[in-house]
Protein backbone atom coordinates (compact mmCIF):
# COMPACT_ATOMS: atom_id res chain seq x y z
CA MET A 1 36.69 124.20 61.05
CA LYS A 2 37.77 125.92 57.85
CA LYS A 3 38.38 129.23 59.59
CA LEU A 4 40.32 127.52 62.40
CA LEU A 5 42.65 125.86 59.91
CA LYS A 6 43.23 129.18 58.16
CA VAL A 7 44.05 130.89 61.47
CA ILE A 8 46.45 128.09 62.47
CA SER A 9 48.29 128.27 59.16
CA ASP A 10 48.50 132.08 59.28
CA TYR A 11 49.84 132.14 62.85
CA SER A 12 52.36 129.40 62.21
CA ILE A 13 53.87 131.14 59.18
CA ILE A 14 53.93 134.51 60.96
CA LEU A 15 55.61 132.94 64.00
CA PHE A 16 58.10 131.21 61.71
CA GLY A 17 59.01 134.52 60.08
CA ALA A 18 59.32 136.24 63.45
CA LEU A 19 61.63 133.50 64.72
CA ILE A 20 63.82 133.70 61.63
CA ILE A 21 64.16 137.46 62.04
CA SER A 22 64.65 137.34 65.83
CA GLU A 23 67.39 134.70 65.70
CA LYS A 24 69.71 137.39 64.35
CA PHE A 25 69.20 139.57 67.43
CA ILE A 26 67.99 137.51 70.40
CA ASP A 27 68.75 134.03 71.71
CA LEU A 28 65.38 132.46 72.48
CA GLY A 29 66.72 129.05 73.46
CA TYR A 30 64.51 126.18 72.32
CA PHE A 31 62.34 128.40 70.15
CA ASN A 32 65.38 129.24 68.01
CA SER A 33 66.17 125.60 67.28
CA PRO A 34 65.74 124.23 63.75
CA ASN A 35 63.43 121.54 65.11
CA PHE A 36 60.90 124.09 66.32
CA THR A 37 61.00 126.14 63.11
CA ASN A 38 60.63 122.94 61.07
CA LEU A 39 57.65 122.00 63.21
CA LEU A 40 56.05 125.36 62.44
CA VAL A 41 56.56 124.80 58.73
CA VAL A 42 55.01 121.33 58.94
CA ILE A 43 52.03 122.71 60.88
CA TYR A 44 51.62 125.40 58.21
CA LEU A 45 51.76 122.89 55.36
CA ILE A 46 49.31 120.44 56.93
CA SER A 47 46.78 123.08 57.97
CA SER A 48 46.99 124.77 54.56
CA LEU A 49 46.46 121.43 52.84
CA TYR A 50 43.37 120.60 54.89
CA HIS A 51 42.03 124.13 54.45
CA SER A 52 42.44 123.85 50.68
CA LYS A 53 40.70 120.48 50.70
CA LEU A 54 37.74 121.90 52.58
CA VAL A 55 37.50 124.89 50.24
CA MET A 56 37.63 122.65 47.17
CA LYS A 57 35.02 120.32 48.62
CA GLU A 58 32.73 123.27 49.34
CA LYS A 59 33.20 124.66 45.83
CA ASP A 60 32.58 121.26 44.25
CA MET A 61 29.33 120.92 46.19
CA LYS A 62 28.24 124.38 45.08
CA ILE A 63 29.07 123.60 41.43
CA GLN A 64 27.16 120.34 41.64
CA LYS A 65 24.17 122.14 43.13
CA LEU A 66 24.21 124.77 40.37
CA GLU A 67 24.54 122.08 37.67
CA ASN A 68 21.52 120.29 39.12
CA GLN A 69 19.56 123.54 39.09
CA LEU A 70 20.42 124.06 35.42
CA LYS A 71 19.23 120.58 34.52
CA ASN A 72 15.86 121.18 36.17
């Protein structure tokens, strides 16, 4: 799940950048609309947020495990 969220966020930001650059040269119709680029940004933000939450949760569990090992 964590890797999937990272891939989604990476692809959405890369696609956003490609659309911003390509709008200067090519008319892509719907894909050039502000709504679509805003959607890509929202997808990036949400997937990055959930990815960060999962990473923090994993790190917190590891810290807790190590603290328990130190106590024993």
